[in-house]
Amino acid sequence: MSETKAARFECRICWHVYDPQEGDSVWQIEPGTPFEELPEDWSCPVCEAGRDKFLRLDTRDA
């Protein structure tokens, strides 16, 4: 997984972290799905904030 695809993103509203290695069980997003490939209508599974409310946290080596 490239650095971009491994990046985690954190919600600025509720601090939920989207981790591409885990995916999102609420939205039925498969593990391995990078943030950039989430559906346009995806929102935070905790507070329903839009994708624009997420900040990139880091990158990891795959």
C-alpha atoms as a PDB file:
ATOM      1  CA  MET A   1       0.000   0.000   0.000  1.00  0.00           C
ATOM      2  CA  SER A   2       1.447   3.398  -0.923  1.00  0.00           C
ATOM      3  CA  GLU A   3       1.873   6.195   1.622  1.00  0.00           C
ATOM      4  CA  THR A   4      -1.210   8.001   0.310  1.00  0.00           C
ATOM      5  CA  LYS A   5      -3.343   4.864   0.501  1.00  0.00           C
ATOM      6  CA  ALA A   6      -2.087   4.120   4.030  1.00  0.00           C
ATOM      7  CA  ALA A   7      -2.931   7.568   5.425  1.00  0.00           C
ATOM      8  CA  ARG A   8      -5.386   7.734   8.302  1.00  0.00           C
ATOM      9  CA  PHE A   9      -7.854  10.623   8.580  1.00  0.00           C
ATOM     10  CA  GLU A  10      -9.410  12.072  11.731  1.00  0.00           C
ATOM     11  CA  CYS A  11     -12.786  13.788  12.026  1.00  0.00           C
ATOM     12  CA  ARG A  12     -12.396  17.372  13.275  1.00  0.00           C
ATOM     13  CA  ILE A  13     -15.820  17.174  14.914  1.00  0.00           C
ATOM     14  CA  CYS A  14     -15.747  13.960  16.994  1.00  0.00           C
ATOM     15  CA  TRP A  15     -12.127  12.735  16.551  1.00  0.00           C
ATOM     16  CA  HIS A  16     -13.157   9.431  14.927  1.00  0.00           C
ATOM     17  CA  VAL A  17     -10.262   8.028  12.892  1.00  0.00           C
ATOM     18  CA  TYR A  18     -10.822   6.434   9.496  1.00  0.00           C
ATOM     19  CA  ASP A  19      -8.115   3.802   9.096  1.00  0.00           C
ATOM     20  CA  PRO A  20      -7.948   2.327   5.581  1.00  0.00           C
ATOM     21  CA  GLN A  21      -6.507  -0.902   6.981  1.00  0.00           C
ATOM     22  CA  GLU A  22      -9.763  -1.372   8.924  1.00  0.00           C
ATOM     23  CA  GLY A  23     -12.300   0.099   6.492  1.00  0.00           C
ATOM     24  CA  ASP A  24     -15.711   1.102   7.856  1.00  0.00           C
ATOM     25  CA  SER A  25     -18.180  -1.550   8.970  1.00  0.00           C
ATOM     26  CA  VAL A  26     -21.035   0.984   9.329  1.00  0.00           C
ATOM     27  CA  TRP A  27     -20.812   1.957   5.641  1.00  0.00           C
ATOM     28  CA  GLN A  28     -19.692  -1.545   4.604  1.00  0.00           C
ATOM     29  CA  ILE A  29     -16.356  -0.240   3.304  1.00  0.00           C
ATOM     30  CA  GLU A  30     -13.871  -3.061   2.818  1.00  0.00           C
ATOM     31  CA  PRO A  31     -10.503  -2.985   4.627  1.00  0.00           C
ATOM     32  CA  GLY A  32      -7.813  -1.644   2.313  1.00  0.00           C
ATOM     33  CA  THR A  33      -9.995   1.177   0.934  1.00  0.00           C
ATOM     34  CA  PRO A  34      -8.067   4.473   0.975  1.00  0.00           C
ATOM     35  CA  PHE A  35      -9.867   7.601   2.156  1.00  0.00           C
ATOM     36  CA  GLU A  36      -9.657   9.081  -1.347  1.00  0.00           C
ATOM     37  CA  GLU A  37     -11.707   6.156  -2.708  1.00  0.00           C
ATOM     38  CA  LEU A  38     -14.598   6.437  -0.240  1.00  0.00           C
ATOM     39  CA  PRO A  39     -17.977   7.201  -1.848  1.00  0.00           C
ATOM     40  CA  GLU A  40     -18.706  10.925  -2.337  1.00  0.00           C
ATOM     41  CA  ASP A  41     -21.661  10.685   0.063  1.00  0.00           C
ATOM     42  CA  TRP A  42     -19.637   8.917   2.780  1.00  0.00           C
ATOM     43  CA  SER A  43     -19.778  10.610   6.174  1.00  0.00           C
ATOM     44  CA  CYS A  44     -18.349   9.983   9.610  1.00  0.00           C
ATOM     45  CA  PRO A  45     -19.985   6.857  11.063  1.00  0.00           C
ATOM     46  CA  VAL A  46     -20.024   8.503  14.507  1.00  0.00           C
ATOM     47  CA  CYS A  47     -21.221  12.094  13.959  1.00  0.00           C
ATOM     48  CA  GLU A  48     -22.150  12.110  10.244  1.00  0.00           C
ATOM     49  CA  ALA A  49     -19.690  14.904   9.377  1.00  0.00           C
ATOM     50  CA  GLY A  50     -18.777  15.084   5.697  1.00  0.00           C
ATOM     51  CA  ARG A  51     -15.456  14.046   4.194  1.00  0.00           C
ATOM     52  CA  ASP A  52     -14.349  17.692   4.150  1.00  0.00           C
ATOM     53  CA  LYS A  53     -14.273  17.658   7.973  1.00  0.00           C
ATOM     54  CA  PHE A  54     -11.460  15.062   8.059  1.00  0.00           C
ATOM     55  CA  LEU A  55      -7.762  15.850   8.425  1.00  0.00           C
ATOM     56  CA  ARG A  56      -4.917  13.612   7.317  1.00  0.00           C
ATOM     57  CA  LEU A  57      -3.094  12.190  10.346  1.00  0.00           C
ATOM     58  CA  ASP A  58      -0.097  10.301   9.045  1.00  0.00           C
ATOM     59  CA  THR A  59       1.300   7.798   6.618  1.00  0.00           C
ATOM     60  CA  ARG A  60       2.514   4.296   7.300  1.00  0.00           C
ATOM     61  CA  ASP A  61       4.692   1.767   5.624  1.00  0.00           C
ATOM     62  CA  ALA A  62       2.598  -1.092   4.261  1.00  0.00           C
END
